[in-house]
């Protein structure tokens, strides 16, 4: 339990991010890594990649933000972990479990953990929103989460995690202080 931290300046966050090397996606990686700097007082990022090619590793490292401190004058560090011996490329997304167990579960230093991918842009505004409503939802025994979506070819919102249409009427909901929180099935 992290004592229901509500101020992002009090967050010490451990982030695990996956990046299947693709030259075209380096621009997304650069953007998310830059945003991670704003997620708390101290931010540690483990970046998992599937490449061991020296020139590609240099391109990845060139995507790191220029300043290795947080917006709140804390530490910001990135550690690149090369996972080039996976049984299947999709297993890259599972590599974070080693760090979660080793560096977070029994940590008294880190207050929050985030697992993300190279194309999931989460902003400091999203983190602040989560912190604020986590405290409100805590008293209802609910932990908020992020809902991933992207725009389809016809410019409609589409979930990347749920493969069926969500019918709002049937989705579980809770009303708190004139706000409706919806849970995905």
C-alpha atoms as a PDB file:
ATOM      1  CA  UNK A   1       0.000   0.000   0.000  1.00  0.00           C
ATOM      2  CA  UNK A   2       1.390   3.388  -0.867  1.00  0.00           C
ATOM      3  CA  UNK A   3      -0.709   5.401   1.603  1.00  0.00           C
ATOM      4  CA  UNK A   4      -2.951   6.678  -1.182  1.00  0.00           C
ATOM      5  CA  UNK A   5      -0.503   9.168  -2.631  1.00  0.00           C
ATOM      6  CA  UNK A   6      -2.410  11.919  -4.406  1.00  0.00           C
ATOM      7  CA  UNK A   7       0.418  14.248  -5.393  1.00  0.00           C
ATOM      8  CA  UNK A   8       2.533  13.183  -8.362  1.00  0.00           C
ATOM      9  CA  UNK A   9       5.547  14.856  -6.719  1.00  0.00           C
ATOM     10  CA  UNK A  10       5.444  12.115  -4.056  1.00  0.00           C
ATOM     11  CA  UNK A  11       5.510   9.237  -6.539  1.00  0.00           C
ATOM     12  CA  UNK A  12       8.570   7.005  -6.948  1.00  0.00           C
ATOM     13  CA  UNK A  13       7.633   4.925  -9.971  1.00  0.00           C
ATOM     14  CA  UNK A  14       9.138   1.874 -11.602  1.00  0.00           C
ATOM     15  CA  UNK A  15       8.202   1.582 -15.281  1.00  0.00           C
ATOM     16  CA  UNK A  16       8.689  -1.405 -17.560  1.00  0.00           C
ATOM     17  CA  UNK A  17       8.267  -0.657 -21.260  1.00  0.00           C
ATOM     18  CA  UNK A  18       8.598  -3.002 -24.222  1.00  0.00           C
ATOM     19  CA  UNK A  19       9.975  -2.008 -27.606  1.00  0.00           C
ATOM     20  CA  UNK A  20      10.027  -4.462 -30.511  1.00  0.00           C
ATOM     21  CA  UNK A  21      12.651  -2.778 -32.623  1.00  0.00           C
ATOM     22  CA  UNK A  22      11.205  -1.039 -35.646  1.00  0.00           C
ATOM     23  CA  UNK A  23      12.901   2.037 -37.058  1.00  0.00           C
ATOM     24  CA  UNK A  24       9.500   3.617 -37.842  1.00  0.00           C
ATOM     25  CA  UNK A  25       8.443   3.351 -34.183  1.00  0.00           C
ATOM     26  CA  UNK A  26      11.443   5.140 -32.672  1.00  0.00           C
ATOM     27  CA  UNK A  27       9.498   8.416 -32.762  1.00  0.00           C
ATOM     28  CA  UNK A  28       6.829   6.885 -30.485  1.00  0.00           C
ATOM     29  CA  UNK A  29       9.452   5.513 -28.131  1.00  0.00           C
ATOM     30  CA  UNK A  30      11.083   8.930 -27.859  1.00  0.00           C
ATOM     31  CA  UNK A  31       7.740  10.531 -27.030  1.00  0.00           C
ATOM     32  CA  UNK A  32       6.752   8.071 -24.301  1.00  0.00           C
ATOM     33  CA  UNK A  33      10.199   8.113 -22.673  1.00  0.00           C
ATOM     34  CA  UNK A  34      10.118  11.893 -22.600  1.00  0.00           C
ATOM     35  CA  UNK A  35       6.687  11.843 -20.940  1.00  0.00           C
ATOM     36  CA  UNK A  36       7.830   9.329 -18.321  1.00  0.00           C
ATOM     37  CA  UNK A  37      10.110  12.015 -16.851  1.00  0.00           C
ATOM     38  CA  UNK A  38       6.992  13.738 -15.516  1.00  0.00           C
ATOM     39  CA  UNK A  39       5.508  10.756 -13.666  1.00  0.00           C
ATOM     40  CA  UNK A  40       6.923  11.430 -10.235  1.00  0.00           C
ATOM     41  CA  UNK A  41       9.768  12.543  -8.043  1.00  0.00           C
ATOM     42  CA  UNK A  42      11.915   9.546  -9.016  1.00  0.00           C
ATOM     43  CA  UNK A  43      11.386   7.484 -12.150  1.00  0.00           C
ATOM     44  CA  UNK A  44      13.195   4.270 -13.104  1.00  0.00           C
ATOM     45  CA  UNK A  45      12.479   2.814 -16.565  1.00  0.00           C
ATOM     46  CA  UNK A  46      13.417  -0.671 -17.669  1.00  0.00           C
ATOM     47  CA  UNK A  47      13.206  -0.749 -21.448  1.00  0.00           C
ATOM     48  CA  UNK A  48      12.958  -4.243 -22.927  1.00  0.00           C
ATOM     49  CA  UNK A  49      13.910  -4.756 -26.563  1.00  0.00           C
ATOM     50  CA  UNK A  50      14.322  -7.711 -28.871  1.00  0.00           C
ATOM     51  CA  UNK A  51      17.370  -6.466 -30.780  1.00  0.00           C
ATOM     52  CA  UNK A  52      21.046  -7.019 -30.091  1.00  0.00           C
ATOM     53  CA  UNK A  53      22.263  -5.187 -33.204  1.00  0.00           C
ATOM     54  CA  UNK A  54      24.655  -2.463 -32.108  1.00  0.00           C
ATOM     55  CA  UNK A  55      23.400   0.194 -34.572  1.00  0.00           C
ATOM     56  CA  UNK A  56      19.779  -0.424 -33.514  1.00  0.00           C
ATOM     57  CA  UNK A  57      20.715  -0.231 -29.845  1.00  0.00           C
ATOM     58  CA  UNK A  58      22.356   3.138 -30.507  1.00  0.00           C
ATOM     59  CA  UNK A  59      19.168   4.354 -32.208  1.00  0.00           C
ATOM     60  CA  UNK A  60      17.164   3.272 -29.180  1.00  0.00           C
ATOM     61  CA  UNK A  61      19.540   5.084 -26.822  1.00  0.00           C
ATOM     62  CA  UNK A  62      19.301   8.186 -29.002  1.00  0.00           C
ATOM     63  CA  UNK A  63      15.567   8.155 -28.209  1.00  0.00           C
ATOM     64  CA  UNK A  64      16.268   8.794 -24.522  1.00  0.00           C
ATOM     65  CA  UNK A  65      15.406  12.263 -23.239  1.00  0.00           C
ATOM     66  CA  UNK A  66      18.324  14.675 -23.081  1.00  0.00           C
ATOM     67  CA  UNK A  67      17.861  15.357 -19.378  1.00  0.00           C
ATOM     68  CA  UNK A  68      18.067  12.492 -16.923  1.00  0.00           C
ATOM     69  CA  UNK A  69      16.217  14.155 -14.107  1.00  0.00           C
ATOM     70  CA  UNK A  70      12.513  14.469 -13.488  1.00  0.00           C
ATOM     71  CA  UNK A  71      10.402  17.570 -13.724  1.00  0.00           C
ATOM     72  CA  UNK A  72      10.414  17.498  -9.904  1.00  0.00           C
ATOM     73  CA  UNK A  73      14.252  17.483  -9.622  1.00  0.00           C
ATOM     74  CA  UNK A  74      14.434  13.789  -8.816  1.00  0.00           C
ATOM     75  CA  UNK A  75      16.258  10.974 -10.554  1.00  0.00           C
ATOM     76  CA  UNK A  76      15.244   9.649 -13.954  1.00  0.00           C
ATOM     77  CA  UNK A  77      17.048   6.630 -15.303  1.00  0.00           C
ATOM     78  CA  UNK A  78      16.602   4.172 -18.137  1.00  0.00           C
ATOM     79  CA  UNK A  79      18.086   0.707 -18.233  1.00  0.00           C
ATOM     80  CA  UNK A  80      18.001  -1.125 -21.561  1.00  0.00           C
ATOM     81  CA  UNK A  81      17.450  -4.870 -21.300  1.00  0.00           C
ATOM     82  CA  UNK A  82      18.131  -6.927 -24.411  1.00  0.00           C
ATOM     83  CA  UNK A  83      15.893  -9.965 -24.785  1.00  0.00           C
ATOM     84  CA  UNK A  84      17.158 -11.596 -27.958  1.00  0.00           C
ATOM     85  CA  UNK A  85      16.701 -15.237 -26.960  1.00  0.00           C
ATOM     86  CA  UNK A  86      12.920 -15.374 -26.621  1.00  0.00           C
ATOM     87  CA  UNK A  87      11.065 -18.503 -27.721  1.00  0.00           C
ATOM     88  CA  UNK A  88       8.546 -16.277 -29.488  1.00  0.00           C
ATOM     89  CA  UNK A  89       8.701 -12.513 -30.231  1.00  0.00           C
ATOM     90  CA  UNK A  90       5.391 -11.935 -28.417  1.00  0.00           C
ATOM     91  CA  UNK A  91       7.041 -13.120 -25.198  1.00  0.00           C
ATOM     92  CA  UNK A  92       8.864  -9.785 -24.943  1.00  0.00           C
ATOM     93  CA  UNK A  93       5.811  -8.351 -23.213  1.00  0.00           C
ATOM     94  CA  UNK A  94       6.217 -10.918 -20.407  1.00  0.00           C
ATOM     95  CA  UNK A  95       9.799 -10.000 -19.521  1.00  0.00           C
ATOM     96  CA  UNK A  96       8.667  -7.291 -17.095  1.00  0.00           C
ATOM     97  CA  UNK A  97       7.528  -9.952 -14.628  1.00  0.00           C
ATOM     98  CA  UNK A  98      11.130 -10.568 -13.578  1.00  0.00           C
ATOM     99  CA  UNK A  99      11.573  -6.885 -12.683  1.00  0.00           C
ATOM    100  CA  UNK A 100       8.158  -6.669 -11.028  1.00  0.00           C
ATOM    101  CA  UNK A 101       9.080  -9.509  -8.719  1.00  0.00           C
ATOM    102  CA  UNK A 102      12.725  -8.543  -8.142  1.00  0.00           C
ATOM    103  CA  UNK A 103      12.556  -4.738  -7.895  1.00  0.00           C
ATOM    104  CA  UNK A 104       8.995  -3.774  -7.009  1.00  0.00           C
ATOM    105  CA  UNK A 105       6.997  -6.313  -5.009  1.00  0.00           C
ATOM    106  CA  UNK A 106       9.229  -6.135  -1.924  1.00  0.00           C
ATOM    107  CA  UNK A 107      10.437  -2.577  -2.453  1.00  0.00           C
ATOM    108  CA  UNK A 108      10.023   0.054   0.197  1.00  0.00           C
ATOM    109  CA  UNK A 109      11.299   2.684  -2.249  1.00  0.00           C
ATOM    110  CA  UNK A 110       8.919   2.487  -5.212  1.00  0.00           C
ATOM    111  CA  UNK A 111       5.348   3.573  -4.627  1.00  0.00           C
ATOM    112  CA  UNK A 112       3.949   2.732  -8.081  1.00  0.00           C
ATOM    113  CA  UNK A 113       4.532   0.342 -10.974  1.00  0.00           C
ATOM    114  CA  UNK A 114       3.569   0.827 -14.617  1.00  0.00           C
ATOM    115  CA  UNK A 115       3.889  -1.677 -17.430  1.00  0.00           C
ATOM    116  CA  UNK A 116       3.509  -0.161 -20.872  1.00  0.00           C
ATOM    117  CA  UNK A 117       4.480  -0.497 -24.505  1.00  0.00           C
ATOM    118  CA  UNK A 118       6.323   1.759 -26.929  1.00  0.00           C
ATOM    119  CA  UNK A 119       3.120   3.122 -28.438  1.00  0.00           C
ATOM    120  CA  UNK A 120       1.066   3.693 -25.269  1.00  0.00           C
ATOM    121  CA  UNK A 121       1.261   7.394 -24.591  1.00  0.00           C
ATOM    122  CA  UNK A 122       0.321   7.988 -20.995  1.00  0.00           C
ATOM    123  CA  UNK A 123       0.685  11.558 -19.823  1.00  0.00           C
ATOM    124  CA  UNK A 124       1.375  13.123 -16.443  1.00  0.00           C
ATOM    125  CA  UNK A 125      -2.204  14.374 -16.669  1.00  0.00           C
ATOM    126  CA  UNK A 126      -3.357  10.736 -16.893  1.00  0.00           C
ATOM    127  CA  UNK A 127      -1.252   9.833 -13.841  1.00  0.00           C
ATOM    128  CA  UNK A 128      -2.653  12.777 -11.860  1.00  0.00           C
ATOM    129  CA  UNK A 129      -6.205  11.755 -12.811  1.00  0.00           C
ATOM    130  CA  UNK A 130      -5.480   8.182 -11.709  1.00  0.00           C
ATOM    131  CA  UNK A 131      -4.006   9.341  -8.384  1.00  0.00           C
ATOM    132  CA  UNK A 132      -6.981  11.588  -7.679  1.00  0.00           C
ATOM    133  CA  UNK A 133      -9.659   9.009  -8.412  1.00  0.00           C
ATOM    134  CA  UNK A 134      -7.770   6.137  -6.859  1.00  0.00           C
ATOM    135  CA  UNK A 135      -8.314   7.741  -3.477  1.00  0.00           C
ATOM    136  CA  UNK A 136     -12.044   8.226  -4.128  1.00  0.00           C
ATOM    137  CA  UNK A 137     -12.479   4.672  -5.453  1.00  0.00           C
ATOM    138  CA  UNK A 138     -10.378   3.126  -2.703  1.00  0.00           C
ATOM    139  CA  UNK A 139     -13.216   3.479  -0.222  1.00  0.00           C
ATOM    140  CA  UNK A 140     -15.422   1.443  -2.563  1.00  0.00           C
ATOM    141  CA  UNK A 141     -12.743  -1.297  -2.855  1.00  0.00           C
ATOM    142  CA  UNK A 142     -12.083  -0.400  -6.485  1.00  0.00           C
ATOM    143  CA  UNK A 143      -8.718   0.205  -8.129  1.00  0.00           C
ATOM    144  CA  UNK A 144      -8.880   2.354 -11.275  1.00  0.00           C
ATOM    145  CA  UNK A 145      -7.094   1.294 -14.418  1.00  0.00           C
ATOM    146  CA  UNK A 146      -6.217   2.706 -17.789  1.00  0.00           C
ATOM    147  CA  UNK A 147      -8.389   1.747 -20.734  1.00  0.00           C
ATOM    148  CA  UNK A 148      -6.386   1.433 -23.942  1.00  0.00           C
ATOM    149  CA  UNK A 149      -7.949   2.438 -27.216  1.00  0.00           C
ATOM    150  CA  UNK A 150      -7.037   3.560 -30.693  1.00  0.00           C
ATOM    151  CA  UNK A 151      -8.893   4.999 -33.619  1.00  0.00           C
ATOM    152  CA  UNK A 152     -10.111   2.524 -36.237  1.00  0.00           C
ATOM    153  CA  UNK A 153      -9.904   3.061 -39.992  1.00  0.00           C
ATOM    154  CA  UNK A 154     -13.295   4.791 -39.882  1.00  0.00           C
ATOM    155  CA  UNK A 155     -12.182   7.091 -37.041  1.00  0.00           C
ATOM    156  CA  UNK A 156     -14.110   5.241 -34.329  1.00  0.00           C
ATOM    157  CA  UNK A 157     -12.676   4.479 -30.907  1.00  0.00           C
ATOM    158  CA  UNK A 158     -11.711   0.813 -30.603  1.00  0.00           C
ATOM    159  CA  UNK A 159     -10.387  -1.051 -27.592  1.00  0.00           C
ATOM    160  CA  UNK A 160      -7.042  -2.742 -28.093  1.00  0.00           C
ATOM    161  CA  UNK A 161      -7.744  -5.213 -25.272  1.00  0.00           C
ATOM    162  CA  UNK A 162     -11.368  -6.191 -25.783  1.00  0.00           C
ATOM    163  CA  UNK A 163     -12.275  -7.871 -29.045  1.00  0.00           C
ATOM    164  CA  UNK A 164     -16.003  -7.232 -28.895  1.00  0.00           C
ATOM    165  CA  UNK A 165     -18.300  -4.239 -28.878  1.00  0.00           C
ATOM    166  CA  UNK A 166     -18.954  -2.838 -25.425  1.00  0.00           C
ATOM    167  CA  UNK A 167     -22.584  -2.088 -24.795  1.00  0.00           C
ATOM    168  CA  UNK A 168     -22.524   0.730 -22.282  1.00  0.00           C
ATOM    169  CA  UNK A 169     -25.883  -0.266 -20.774  1.00  0.00           C
ATOM    170  CA  UNK A 170     -24.502  -3.657 -19.676  1.00  0.00           C
ATOM    171  CA  UNK A 171     -21.086  -2.493 -18.470  1.00  0.00           C
ATOM    172  CA  UNK A 172     -20.696  -2.484 -14.660  1.00  0.00           C
ATOM    173  CA  UNK A 173     -20.888   1.065 -13.249  1.00  0.00           C
ATOM    174  CA  UNK A 174     -20.615   2.886  -9.964  1.00  0.00           C
ATOM    175  CA  UNK A 175     -21.867   6.401  -9.188  1.00  0.00           C
ATOM    176  CA  UNK A 176     -19.735   8.512  -6.822  1.00  0.00           C
ATOM    177  CA  UNK A 177     -20.279  12.239  -6.315  1.00  0.00           C
ATOM    178  CA  UNK A 178     -22.163  12.673  -9.605  1.00  0.00           C
ATOM    179  CA  UNK A 179     -19.384  10.828 -11.472  1.00  0.00           C
ATOM    180  CA  UNK A 180     -19.997   7.535 -13.217  1.00  0.00           C
ATOM    181  CA  UNK A 181     -17.108   5.057 -13.287  1.00  0.00           C
ATOM    182  CA  UNK A 182     -17.460   2.259 -15.815  1.00  0.00           C
ATOM    183  CA  UNK A 183     -15.755  -1.107 -15.608  1.00  0.00           C
ATOM    184  CA  UNK A 184     -14.964  -3.060 -18.728  1.00  0.00           C
ATOM    185  CA  UNK A 185     -16.276  -6.628 -18.815  1.00  0.00           C
END
